[in-house]
N, C-alpha and C. Protein backbone atom coordinates (compact mmCIF):
# COMPACT_ATOMS: atom_id res chain seq x y z
N MET A 1 5.41 -20.44 23.12
CA MET A 1 6.19 -19.20 22.20
C MET A 1 5.90 -18.14 21.60
N LYS A 2 4.69 -18.28 21.51
CA LYS A 2 3.48 -17.34 20.59
C LYS A 2 3.58 -16.11 22.38
N HIS A 3 3.38 -16.84 23.50
CA HIS A 3 3.57 -15.72 24.61
C HIS A 3 4.76 -15.03 24.81
N LYS A 4 5.79 -15.51 24.55
CA LYS A 4 7.20 -14.79 24.53
C LYS A 4 7.41 -14.09 22.88
N CYS A 5 6.89 -14.08 22.19
CA CYS A 5 6.84 -13.47 20.74
C CYS A 5 6.17 -12.12 21.09
N LEU A 6 4.66 -12.38 21.81
CA LEU A 6 4.09 -11.21 22.28
C LEU A 6 4.38 -10.38 23.43
N LEU A 7 4.60 -11.05 24.02
CA LEU A 7 5.39 -10.30 25.25
C LEU A 7 6.93 -9.37 25.10
N THR A 8 7.70 -10.18 23.99
CA THR A 8 8.53 -9.45 23.36
C THR A 8 8.60 -7.73 22.40
N ALA A 9 6.98 -8.47 21.58
CA ALA A 9 6.79 -7.32 21.12
C ALA A 9 5.91 -5.83 21.69
N LEU A 10 5.47 -6.19 22.37
CA LEU A 10 4.76 -5.41 23.74
C LEU A 10 6.27 -4.80 24.22
N SER A 11 7.26 -4.94 24.61
CA SER A 11 8.51 -5.13 25.85
C SER A 11 9.07 -3.56 24.53
N LEU A 12 8.90 -4.39 23.14
CA LEU A 12 9.93 -3.24 22.64
C LEU A 12 8.88 -2.09 22.10
N PHE A 13 7.67 -2.10 22.17
CA PHE A 13 7.09 -1.34 21.57
C PHE A 13 7.02 -0.20 22.68
N PHE A 14 6.59 -0.28 24.21
CA PHE A 14 6.59 0.15 25.09
C PHE A 14 8.06 0.68 24.96
N SER A 15 9.14 0.41 25.29
CA SER A 15 10.05 0.75 25.34
C SER A 15 10.47 2.11 24.18
N ILE A 16 10.35 1.32 22.87
CA ILE A 16 10.20 2.66 22.22
C ILE A 16 9.80 3.86 22.63
N LYS A 17 8.28 3.58 22.99
CA LYS A 17 7.32 4.66 23.62
C LYS A 17 8.01 6.05 24.50
N ALA A 18 8.93 4.72 25.66
CA ALA A 18 9.42 5.60 26.39
C ALA A 18 10.56 6.27 26.17
N PHE A 19 11.49 6.18 25.48
CA PHE A 19 12.73 7.06 25.03
C PHE A 19 12.52 7.60 23.60
N SER A 20 11.18 7.13 22.69
CA SER A 20 10.93 8.21 21.59
C SER A 20 9.63 9.10 21.70
N GLN A 21 10.05 9.51 20.43
CA GLN A 21 8.48 10.02 19.88
C GLN A 21 7.97 9.46 19.14
N LEU A 22 7.14 8.37 19.39
CA LEU A 22 6.41 7.40 18.77
C LEU A 22 4.91 7.86 18.74
N GLU A 23 4.38 8.23 17.88
CA GLU A 23 3.45 8.54 17.76
C GLU A 23 1.97 7.40 16.54
N MET A 24 0.83 7.02 17.29
CA MET A 24 0.55 5.70 16.58
C MET A 24 -0.86 6.58 16.08
N SER A 25 -1.38 6.30 14.94
CA SER A 25 -2.71 6.60 14.47
C SER A 25 -3.78 5.62 14.27
N LEU A 26 -4.81 6.24 13.44
CA LEU A 26 -5.81 5.00 12.39
C LEU A 26 -5.86 5.88 11.39
N LYS A 27 -6.14 5.63 10.18
CA LYS A 27 -6.39 6.17 8.97
C LYS A 27 -7.27 5.01 8.33
N GLY A 28 -7.40 5.68 7.35
CA GLY A 28 -8.54 5.63 6.61
C GLY A 28 -8.85 6.19 5.08
N GLY A 29 -9.40 5.65 4.29
CA GLY A 29 -9.34 6.65 2.87
C GLY A 29 -9.66 5.78 1.61
N PHE A 30 -8.80 5.98 0.25
CA PHE A 30 -9.22 4.98 -0.72
C PHE A 30 -8.24 4.74 -1.59
N ASN A 31 -8.29 4.26 -2.49
CA ASN A 31 -7.00 4.05 -3.38
C ASN A 31 -8.11 3.91 -4.87
N ILE A 32 -7.36 4.84 -6.12
CA ILE A 32 -7.80 4.82 -7.65
C ILE A 32 -6.39 3.74 -7.71
N ALA A 33 -7.10 2.70 -8.30
CA ALA A 33 -6.19 2.04 -9.11
C ALA A 33 -6.33 1.04 -10.03
N THR A 34 -5.03 0.71 -10.58
CA THR A 34 -5.76 -0.10 -12.04
C THR A 34 -3.97 -1.00 -12.04
N VAL A 35 -3.60 -1.90 -13.13
CA VAL A 35 -2.39 -2.43 -13.39
C VAL A 35 -1.85 -1.71 -15.04
N LYS A 36 -0.76 -2.18 -15.04
CA LYS A 36 0.13 -2.10 -16.11
C LYS A 36 0.67 -3.52 -16.48
N THR A 37 0.32 -3.98 -17.87
CA THR A 37 0.92 -5.06 -18.61
C THR A 37 2.30 -5.06 -19.20
N THR A 38 3.20 -5.91 -19.49
CA THR A 38 4.02 -5.72 -20.02
C THR A 38 4.46 -7.16 -20.59
N ASN A 39 5.38 -7.33 -21.55
CA ASN A 39 6.33 -8.66 -22.43
C ASN A 39 4.55 -9.16 -23.08
N ILE A 40 3.84 -8.32 -23.61
CA ILE A 40 2.69 -8.63 -24.82
C ILE A 40 2.67 -7.60 -26.15
N GLU A 41 2.49 -8.60 -26.78
CA GLU A 41 2.45 -7.45 -28.43
C GLU A 41 0.73 -6.75 -28.23
N ASN A 42 0.75 -5.86 -28.44
CA ASN A 42 -0.11 -4.71 -28.90
C ASN A 42 -0.77 -3.94 -27.19
N ALA A 43 0.07 -4.59 -26.21
CA ALA A 43 -0.18 -4.00 -24.59
C ALA A 43 -0.58 -3.05 -24.48
N ASP A 44 -0.61 -1.61 -25.27
CA ASP A 44 -1.39 -0.32 -25.47
C ASP A 44 -2.50 -0.40 -25.66
N ASN A 45 -2.90 -1.65 -26.36
CA ASN A 45 -4.02 -1.35 -26.77
C ASN A 45 -4.84 -2.07 -25.79
N LEU A 46 -4.76 -2.45 -24.65
CA LEU A 46 -5.34 -2.86 -23.85
C LEU A 46 -5.67 -1.63 -22.57
N LYS A 47 -7.38 -1.81 -22.54
CA LYS A 47 -7.69 -0.46 -21.98
C LYS A 47 -7.90 -0.46 -21.02
N TYR A 48 -6.98 -0.91 -19.59
CA TYR A 48 -7.29 -1.07 -18.50
C TYR A 48 -7.90 0.28 -17.76
N GLU A 49 -9.41 -0.02 -17.13
CA GLU A 49 -9.39 1.24 -16.46
C GLU A 49 -9.38 1.39 -14.87
N SER A 50 -9.37 2.27 -14.32
CA SER A 50 -9.18 2.35 -13.09
C SER A 50 -10.38 1.90 -12.05
N ILE A 51 -10.20 1.49 -10.73
CA ILE A 51 -11.21 1.39 -10.17
C ILE A 51 -10.86 1.82 -8.69
N THR A 52 -11.94 2.35 -7.99
CA THR A 52 -11.48 2.55 -6.79
C THR A 52 -11.70 1.60 -5.93
N GLY A 53 -10.99 1.60 -4.45
CA GLY A 53 -11.23 0.50 -3.42
C GLY A 53 -10.88 1.53 -1.99
N PHE A 54 -11.39 0.71 -1.35
CA PHE A 54 -11.22 1.55 0.43
C PHE A 54 -9.86 1.23 0.90
N VAL A 55 -9.08 1.85 2.16
CA VAL A 55 -7.93 1.34 2.28
C VAL A 55 -7.98 2.22 4.36
N PHE A 56 -7.84 1.18 5.13
CA PHE A 56 -7.70 1.46 6.66
C PHE A 56 -6.68 0.74 7.53
N GLY A 57 -6.61 1.25 8.72
CA GLY A 57 -5.62 0.39 9.63
C GLY A 57 -5.00 1.39 10.30
N PRO A 58 -4.38 0.52 11.10
CA PRO A 58 -2.99 1.42 12.16
C PRO A 58 -1.85 1.95 11.72
N SER A 59 -1.43 3.07 12.11
CA SER A 59 -0.41 4.01 11.24
C SER A 59 0.57 4.07 12.34
N GLY A 60 1.99 4.18 12.24
CA GLY A 60 2.90 4.72 13.37
C GLY A 60 4.24 5.78 12.70
N ARG A 61 4.46 6.34 13.43
CA ARG A 61 5.32 7.26 13.57
C ARG A 61 6.41 7.53 14.21
N LEU A 62 7.68 7.21 14.03
CA LEU A 62 8.95 7.41 14.68
C LEU A 62 9.52 8.60 14.47
N HIS A 63 9.76 9.59 15.49
CA HIS A 63 10.57 10.77 15.21
C HIS A 63 11.82 10.59 15.59
N LEU A 64 12.55 10.50 14.49
CA LEU A 64 14.39 10.63 14.64
C LEU A 64 14.94 11.79 15.35
N ASN A 65 14.28 12.78 14.28
CA ASN A 65 14.59 14.29 14.74
C ASN A 65 13.47 15.19 14.45
N LYS A 66 14.14 16.34 14.34
CA LYS A 66 12.83 17.37 14.04
C LYS A 66 12.38 17.28 12.94
N LYS A 67 13.27 16.96 11.80
CA LYS A 67 12.91 16.74 10.24
C LYS A 67 13.09 15.29 9.74
N ILE A 68 13.23 14.16 10.81
CA ILE A 68 13.09 13.05 9.90
C ILE A 68 12.75 11.91 10.97
N HIS A 69 11.74 11.15 9.89
CA HIS A 69 10.60 10.40 10.69
C HIS A 69 10.66 8.89 9.54
N LEU A 70 9.97 8.14 10.22
CA LEU A 70 10.17 6.80 10.01
C LEU A 70 8.52 6.54 9.96
N ASN A 71 7.95 6.50 8.87
CA ASN A 71 6.30 5.73 8.98
C ASN A 71 6.15 4.82 8.65
N SER A 72 5.21 4.26 9.37
CA SER A 72 4.68 2.26 9.00
C SER A 72 3.62 2.29 8.99
N ASP A 73 2.91 1.55 7.74
CA ASP A 73 1.72 1.39 8.31
C ASP A 73 1.60 -0.23 8.11
N PHE A 74 0.27 -0.51 8.60
CA PHE A 74 -0.35 -1.93 8.79
C PHE A 74 -2.14 -1.53 7.81
N LEU A 75 -2.14 -2.06 7.00
CA LEU A 75 -3.43 -1.56 6.29
C LEU A 75 -4.34 -2.81 5.28
N PHE A 76 -5.33 -2.81 5.50
CA PHE A 76 -6.33 -3.66 4.71
C PHE A 76 -6.45 -2.12 3.63
N SER A 77 -6.31 -3.22 2.28
CA SER A 77 -5.88 -2.25 1.31
C SER A 77 -6.90 -3.34 -0.25
N THR A 78 -7.87 -2.16 -1.12
CA THR A 78 -8.40 -3.19 -1.97
C THR A 78 -7.34 -2.13 -3.08
N LYS A 79 -7.38 -3.05 -4.13
CA LYS A 79 -6.83 -2.53 -5.44
C LYS A 79 -7.15 -3.27 -6.63
N GLY A 80 -7.10 -3.16 -7.67
CA GLY A 80 -7.33 -4.05 -8.77
C GLY A 80 -7.47 -3.42 -10.16
N TYR A 81 -8.56 -3.45 -11.19
CA TYR A 81 -8.78 -3.10 -12.38
C TYR A 81 -10.03 -3.27 -12.68
N SER A 82 -10.06 -2.73 -13.97
CA SER A 82 -11.31 -2.94 -15.13
C SER A 82 -11.02 -2.96 -16.44
N ILE A 83 -11.65 -4.36 -16.46
CA ILE A 83 -11.31 -3.95 -18.62
C ILE A 83 -12.71 -4.19 -19.32
N TYR A 84 -13.08 -3.96 -20.13
CA TYR A 84 -13.89 -4.04 -20.80
C TYR A 84 -14.45 -4.08 -19.73
N THR A 85 -15.88 -5.08 -19.93
CA THR A 85 -16.72 -4.91 -19.06
C THR A 85 -16.45 -5.50 -18.01
N PHE A 86 -15.43 -6.09 -17.48
CA PHE A 86 -14.99 -6.96 -16.63
C PHE A 86 -14.26 -6.02 -15.44
N LYS A 87 -14.65 -6.71 -13.96
CA LYS A 87 -13.73 -6.16 -12.61
C LYS A 87 -13.03 -6.89 -11.91
N THR A 88 -12.05 -6.18 -12.02
CA THR A 88 -11.09 -7.20 -10.74
C THR A 88 -10.99 -6.50 -9.88
N THR A 89 -11.01 -7.11 -8.22
CA THR A 89 -10.49 -6.23 -7.18
C THR A 89 -9.91 -7.50 -6.14
N ILE A 90 -8.81 -6.57 -5.90
CA ILE A 90 -7.45 -7.49 -4.60
C ILE A 90 -7.95 -6.99 -3.89
N ASN A 91 -7.77 -7.90 -2.63
CA ASN A 91 -7.72 -7.31 -1.01
C ASN A 91 -6.50 -7.84 -0.49
N TYR A 92 -5.96 -7.03 -0.46
CA TYR A 92 -4.32 -7.04 0.45
C TYR A 92 -4.17 -7.02 1.62
N LEU A 93 -3.24 -7.14 2.66
CA LEU A 93 -3.02 -6.71 3.89
C LEU A 93 -1.68 -5.66 3.52
N GLU A 94 -1.07 -4.97 4.03
CA GLU A 94 -0.09 -4.05 3.17
C GLU A 94 0.79 -3.30 4.66
N MET A 95 1.90 -3.75 4.56
CA MET A 95 2.89 -2.99 5.41
C MET A 95 4.05 -2.38 4.42
N ASN A 96 3.99 -1.23 4.86
CA ASN A 96 5.26 -0.30 4.09
C ASN A 96 5.67 0.47 5.21
N LEU A 97 6.84 1.20 5.20
CA LEU A 97 8.03 1.75 5.93
C LEU A 97 8.61 2.62 5.33
N LEU A 98 8.57 3.76 5.53
CA LEU A 98 8.64 4.99 4.59
C LEU A 98 9.45 5.93 5.32
N LEU A 99 10.50 6.77 5.13
CA LEU A 99 11.66 7.30 5.63
C LEU A 99 10.37 8.79 5.16
N SER A 100 10.51 9.57 5.89
CA SER A 100 9.51 10.92 5.95
C SER A 100 10.98 12.54 6.36
N TYR A 101 10.52 13.16 4.98
CA TYR A 101 11.22 14.29 5.67
C TYR A 101 10.37 15.62 5.84
N ASN A 102 10.69 16.25 6.55
CA ASN A 102 10.14 17.30 6.89
C ASN A 102 10.22 18.43 5.90
N VAL A 103 9.72 19.03 5.12
CA VAL A 103 10.05 20.02 4.37
C VAL A 103 10.04 21.49 4.78
N ILE A 104 8.60 21.86 5.32
CA ILE A 104 8.44 22.70 6.12
C ILE A 104 7.52 22.32 7.00
N ASP A 105 7.46 23.44 8.12
CA ASP A 105 6.21 23.28 9.01
C ASP A 105 4.62 22.44 8.45
N ASN A 106 4.59 21.13 9.04
CA ASN A 106 3.41 20.34 9.03
C ASN A 106 3.42 19.59 7.38
N PHE A 107 4.34 20.08 6.55
CA PHE A 107 4.39 18.88 5.38
C PHE A 107 5.74 17.99 4.71
N ASP A 108 5.34 16.88 4.68
CA ASP A 108 6.97 16.07 4.80
C ASP A 108 6.48 15.22 3.35
N ILE A 109 7.29 15.42 2.46
CA ILE A 109 7.62 14.21 1.47
C ILE A 109 7.52 13.12 2.01
N GLU A 110 7.79 11.79 2.12
CA GLU A 110 7.83 10.37 1.95
C GLU A 110 8.70 9.27 0.97
N ILE A 111 9.20 8.18 1.44
CA ILE A 111 9.73 7.53 0.09
C ILE A 111 9.67 6.18 0.92
N GLY A 112 9.59 4.92 0.49
CA GLY A 112 10.18 3.62 0.75
C GLY A 112 9.53 2.48 -0.02
N PRO A 113 9.63 1.25 0.70
CA PRO A 113 9.02 0.08 0.20
C PRO A 113 7.73 -0.03 0.49
N ASP A 114 6.89 -1.14 0.13
CA ASP A 114 5.60 -1.37 0.48
C ASP A 114 5.38 -2.64 -0.10
N PHE A 115 4.95 -3.39 1.26
CA PHE A 115 4.50 -4.84 0.64
C PHE A 115 3.00 -5.56 1.28
N GLY A 116 2.20 -5.90 0.18
CA GLY A 116 1.28 -6.57 -0.05
C GLY A 116 1.66 -7.87 0.05
N PHE A 117 0.07 -8.61 0.98
CA PHE A 117 0.23 -9.78 1.01
C PHE A 117 -1.44 -10.32 0.45
N LYS A 118 -1.48 -11.08 -0.41
CA LYS A 118 -2.97 -10.43 -0.97
C LYS A 118 -3.87 -12.07 -0.15
N ILE A 119 -5.09 -11.32 0.22
CA ILE A 119 -6.07 -11.93 0.90
C ILE A 119 -7.20 -12.76 0.23
N SER A 120 -7.22 -12.03 -0.88
CA SER A 120 -8.62 -12.56 -1.71
C SER A 120 -8.90 -11.68 -2.71
N ILE A 121 -9.56 -12.15 -3.95
CA ILE A 121 -9.70 -11.34 -5.36
C ILE A 121 -11.45 -11.55 -5.86
N ASN A 122 -11.78 -11.01 -5.90
CA ASN A 122 -13.29 -10.93 -6.94
C ASN A 122 -13.05 -10.40 -8.21
N SER A 123 -13.35 -11.37 -9.03
CA SER A 123 -13.13 -10.97 -10.71
C SER A 123 -14.42 -11.75 -11.41
N ASP A 124 -14.80 -10.46 -12.01
CA ASP A 124 -16.08 -10.90 -13.23
C ASP A 124 -15.35 -11.91 -14.45
N GLN A 125 -14.07 -12.38 -14.20
CA GLN A 125 -13.41 -12.89 -15.38
C GLN A 125 -13.56 -14.73 -14.68
N SER A 126 -14.41 -14.93 -15.29
CA SER A 126 -14.81 -16.76 -15.04
C SER A 126 -13.18 -17.34 -14.65
N ASN A 127 -12.37 -16.80 -15.62
CA ASN A 127 -10.95 -17.76 -15.64
C ASN A 127 -9.84 -17.23 -14.73
N LEU A 128 -10.19 -16.23 -14.03
CA LEU A 128 -9.36 -15.84 -12.74
C LEU A 128 -9.93 -16.65 -11.59
N ASP A 129 -8.84 -16.32 -11.11
CA ASP A 129 -9.36 -17.32 -9.40
C ASP A 129 -8.21 -16.79 -8.47
N ASN A 130 -8.57 -16.92 -7.22
CA ASN A 130 -7.72 -16.75 -6.16
C ASN A 130 -6.01 -17.12 -7.10
N GLY A 131 -6.21 -17.88 -7.29
CA GLY A 131 -4.79 -18.78 -7.42
C GLY A 131 -4.13 -18.56 -8.88
N SER A 132 -4.86 -17.28 -9.54
CA SER A 132 -4.44 -16.35 -10.46
C SER A 132 -3.34 -15.46 -10.88
N PHE A 133 -3.27 -14.49 -9.04
CA PHE A 133 -2.28 -14.15 -8.74
C PHE A 133 -1.31 -14.72 -8.08
N ASN A 134 0.03 -13.53 -8.10
CA ASN A 134 0.87 -14.18 -6.81
C ASN A 134 0.77 -13.66 -5.35
N VAL A 135 1.01 -14.08 -4.55
CA VAL A 135 0.72 -13.71 -3.29
C VAL A 135 1.28 -12.43 -2.75
N MET A 136 2.46 -12.25 -3.01
CA MET A 136 3.11 -11.20 -2.43
C MET A 136 2.69 -9.80 -3.61
N ASP A 137 3.15 -8.39 -3.45
CA ASP A 137 2.68 -7.35 -3.86
C ASP A 137 3.84 -6.06 -3.60
N ILE A 138 4.59 -6.34 -4.02
CA ILE A 138 6.02 -5.82 -3.67
C ILE A 138 5.97 -4.56 -4.44
N GLY A 139 6.24 -3.15 -4.01
CA GLY A 139 6.54 -1.84 -4.92
C GLY A 139 6.99 -0.80 -3.97
N ALA A 140 7.07 0.52 -4.19
CA ALA A 140 7.46 1.52 -3.43
C ALA A 140 6.34 2.01 -3.56
N ALA A 141 6.51 3.49 -2.59
CA ALA A 141 5.51 3.96 -2.24
C ALA A 141 5.96 5.77 -1.99
N MET A 142 5.89 6.20 -2.88
CA MET A 142 6.20 7.92 -2.39
C MET A 142 5.15 9.02 -2.22
N GLY A 143 4.84 9.71 -1.59
CA GLY A 143 4.08 10.58 -1.50
C GLY A 143 4.59 12.22 -0.52
N ILE A 144 3.37 12.47 -0.06
CA ILE A 144 2.96 13.53 1.20
C ILE A 144 2.54 13.43 2.25
N ARG A 145 2.45 14.11 2.71
CA ARG A 145 1.83 14.12 4.03
C ARG A 145 1.68 15.74 4.90
N TYR A 146 0.64 16.02 5.30
CA TYR A 146 0.31 17.01 5.95
C TYR A 146 -0.02 16.87 7.17
N THR A 147 -0.18 17.50 8.26
CA THR A 147 -0.90 17.60 9.22
C THR A 147 -1.67 19.19 9.25
N LEU A 148 -2.97 18.54 9.47
CA LEU A 148 -3.48 19.78 9.53
C LEU A 148 -3.56 19.97 10.93
N VAL A 149 -3.77 19.52 11.81
CA VAL A 149 -3.75 20.02 13.47
C VAL A 149 -3.04 18.76 14.00
N ASP A 150 -3.21 18.92 15.26
CA ASP A 150 -2.45 18.02 15.86
C ASP A 150 -2.79 17.01 16.00
N LYS A 151 -3.84 16.55 15.72
CA LYS A 151 -4.62 14.98 15.46
C LYS A 151 -4.88 14.74 14.27
N PHE A 152 -4.97 15.83 13.28
CA PHE A 152 -5.14 14.69 11.91
C PHE A 152 -4.29 15.29 11.26
N THR A 153 -4.35 13.89 10.20
CA THR A 153 -3.35 14.18 8.85
C THR A 153 -3.62 14.05 7.57
N LEU A 154 -3.31 14.62 6.51
CA LEU A 154 -3.61 14.33 5.32
C LEU A 154 -2.61 13.56 4.54
N CYS A 155 -2.51 12.38 3.66
CA CYS A 155 -1.60 11.88 3.24
C CYS A 155 -2.31 11.45 1.71
N ALA A 156 -1.36 11.79 0.87
CA ALA A 156 -1.38 11.35 -0.90
C ALA A 156 0.09 10.54 -0.98
N ARG A 157 -0.96 9.55 -1.68
CA ARG A 157 0.50 8.43 -1.91
C ARG A 157 0.81 7.89 -3.51
N TYR A 158 1.60 7.91 -4.31
CA TYR A 158 1.90 7.06 -5.16
C TYR A 158 2.42 5.69 -5.33
N TYR A 159 1.52 4.57 -5.55
CA TYR A 159 2.01 3.10 -5.52
C TYR A 159 2.40 2.57 -6.63
N HIS A 160 4.01 2.16 -7.09
CA HIS A 160 4.49 1.84 -7.97
C HIS A 160 4.85 0.24 -8.10
N GLY A 161 3.84 -0.98 -8.99
CA GLY A 161 4.33 -2.19 -8.12
C GLY A 161 5.85 -2.59 -9.09
N LEU A 162 6.69 -3.26 -8.18
CA LEU A 162 7.56 -3.72 -8.45
C LEU A 162 8.20 -5.31 -9.22
N ASN A 163 7.19 -5.59 -8.70
CA ASN A 163 6.69 -7.58 -9.04
C ASN A 163 5.43 -7.60 -9.92
N SER A 164 5.19 -8.71 -11.01
CA SER A 164 4.20 -9.07 -11.40
C SER A 164 3.42 -9.68 -10.07
N ILE A 165 2.36 -9.43 -10.68
CA ILE A 165 1.23 -9.83 -9.44
C ILE A 165 0.20 -11.05 -10.48
N ALA A 166 0.03 -11.42 -11.86
CA ALA A 166 -0.46 -11.94 -12.25
C ALA A 166 0.32 -11.98 -13.55
N GLU A 167 0.41 -13.68 -14.23
CA GLU A 167 0.85 -13.46 -15.99
C GLU A 167 -0.54 -13.87 -16.45
N LEU A 168 -1.39 -12.28 -16.66
CA LEU A 168 -2.68 -12.48 -17.35
C LEU A 168 -2.59 -13.32 -18.74
N TYR A 169 -1.77 -12.76 -19.70
CA TYR A 169 -1.83 -13.43 -20.88
C TYR A 169 -0.56 -14.11 -21.22
N ARG A 170 -1.06 -14.77 -21.83
CA ARG A 170 0.51 -15.79 -22.57
C ARG A 170 0.37 -15.76 -24.24
N THR A 171 1.27 -16.00 -24.47
CA THR A 171 1.65 -16.05 -25.94
C THR A 171 2.87 -17.47 -26.27
N SER A 172 2.77 -17.58 -27.89
CA SER A 172 3.60 -18.43 -27.90
C SER A 172 5.03 -18.24 -27.25
N ASN A 173 5.83 -16.97 -27.38
CA ASN A 173 7.14 -16.56 -27.23
C ASN A 173 7.29 -16.00 -25.59
N SER A 174 6.34 -15.98 -25.16
CA SER A 174 6.36 -14.97 -23.78
C SER A 174 5.15 -14.80 -22.70
N GLU A 175 5.37 -15.16 -21.32
CA GLU A 175 4.49 -14.21 -20.65
C GLU A 175 4.26 -12.67 -20.28
N SER A 176 3.50 -12.68 -20.07
CA SER A 176 2.76 -10.81 -20.31
C SER A 176 3.22 -11.05 -18.38
N LYS A 177 3.53 -9.67 -18.17
CA LYS A 177 3.64 -9.13 -16.39
C LYS A 177 2.88 -8.13 -16.28
N THR A 178 1.92 -8.25 -15.24
CA THR A 178 1.28 -7.44 -14.74
C THR A 178 1.65 -6.57 -13.33
N PHE A 179 1.72 -5.25 -13.08
CA PHE A 179 1.77 -4.67 -12.17
C PHE A 179 0.76 -3.50 -11.70
N ASN A 180 0.85 -3.54 -10.32
CA ASN A 180 -0.61 -2.70 -9.71
C ASN A 180 0.61 -1.44 -10.20
N ARG A 181 -0.54 -0.55 -10.00
CA ARG A 181 -0.60 1.01 -9.73
C ARG A 181 -1.62 1.47 -9.12
N ALA A 182 -1.13 2.74 -8.25
CA ALA A 182 -2.42 2.84 -7.49
C ALA A 182 -1.52 4.36 -7.15
N ILE A 183 -2.73 5.15 -6.66
CA ILE A 183 -3.32 6.54 -5.84
C ILE A 183 -3.79 5.92 -4.39
N GLN A 184 -3.14 6.41 -3.28
CA GLN A 184 -3.69 6.50 -2.75
C GLN A 184 -4.05 7.99 -1.72
N LEU A 185 -5.38 8.21 -1.25
CA LEU A 185 -5.75 9.20 -0.35
C LEU A 185 -6.46 9.20 1.23
N THR A 186 -5.76 9.66 2.13
CA THR A 186 -6.17 8.89 3.19
C THR A 186 -6.02 10.07 4.18
N ILE A 187 -6.93 10.30 5.25
CA ILE A 187 -6.76 10.85 6.43
C ILE A 187 -6.45 10.01 7.87
N GLY A 188 -5.53 10.66 8.78
CA GLY A 188 -5.44 10.01 9.98
C GLY A 188 -6.23 10.78 11.08
N TYR A 189 -6.00 9.81 12.07
CA TYR A 189 -6.52 10.41 13.01
C TYR A 189 -5.33 9.69 14.77
N LYS A 190 -4.48 11.02 15.12
CA LYS A 190 -4.03 10.48 16.45
C LYS A 190 -4.34 10.09 17.38
N ILE A 191 -3.78 8.29 17.61
CA ILE A 191 -4.36 8.22 19.14
C ILE A 191 -3.37 8.21 20.33
N LEU A 192 -2.64 8.53 20.11
CA LEU A 192 -1.22 7.95 21.01
C LEU A 192 -0.08 8.85 20.63
């Protein structure tokens, strides 16, 4: 069964490559990430600080026509936050599917869904562990992409989490909701 799935995926990949304009790239960069907490009294008094994490992985781009493209990344990504003296980092495998529109030569805007699968966390807070956070992070990404030369691209994106990744604070009448927020800056190198 695994061999059939692999063979089907490879056949699909090469047939798409043969009949369309598919690009493959490797990209790397960093996230500036934090969280936003809601449904708690005095939520504005929580002083979350941003952390910097890295991001890397393969990226694909399918040219639908001269102006419209589909971009998809499969990335290892580090997000998280710092509050007071505590730092929490969350490692994800992320996949997105972004619709890209070429505004002018070499400059695109892009928007679409982003799905993160939690791999692990590391926290200075003793009451937090891997089970404290949801397995999935679902959000929206939007940004810009600039092609420097034929082989290199720069991307800047904003990520806005749509589902709560954790319930970090509980009160007698409500449970808090915590959402990822991030700015991602990457450089890509076209390999195919």
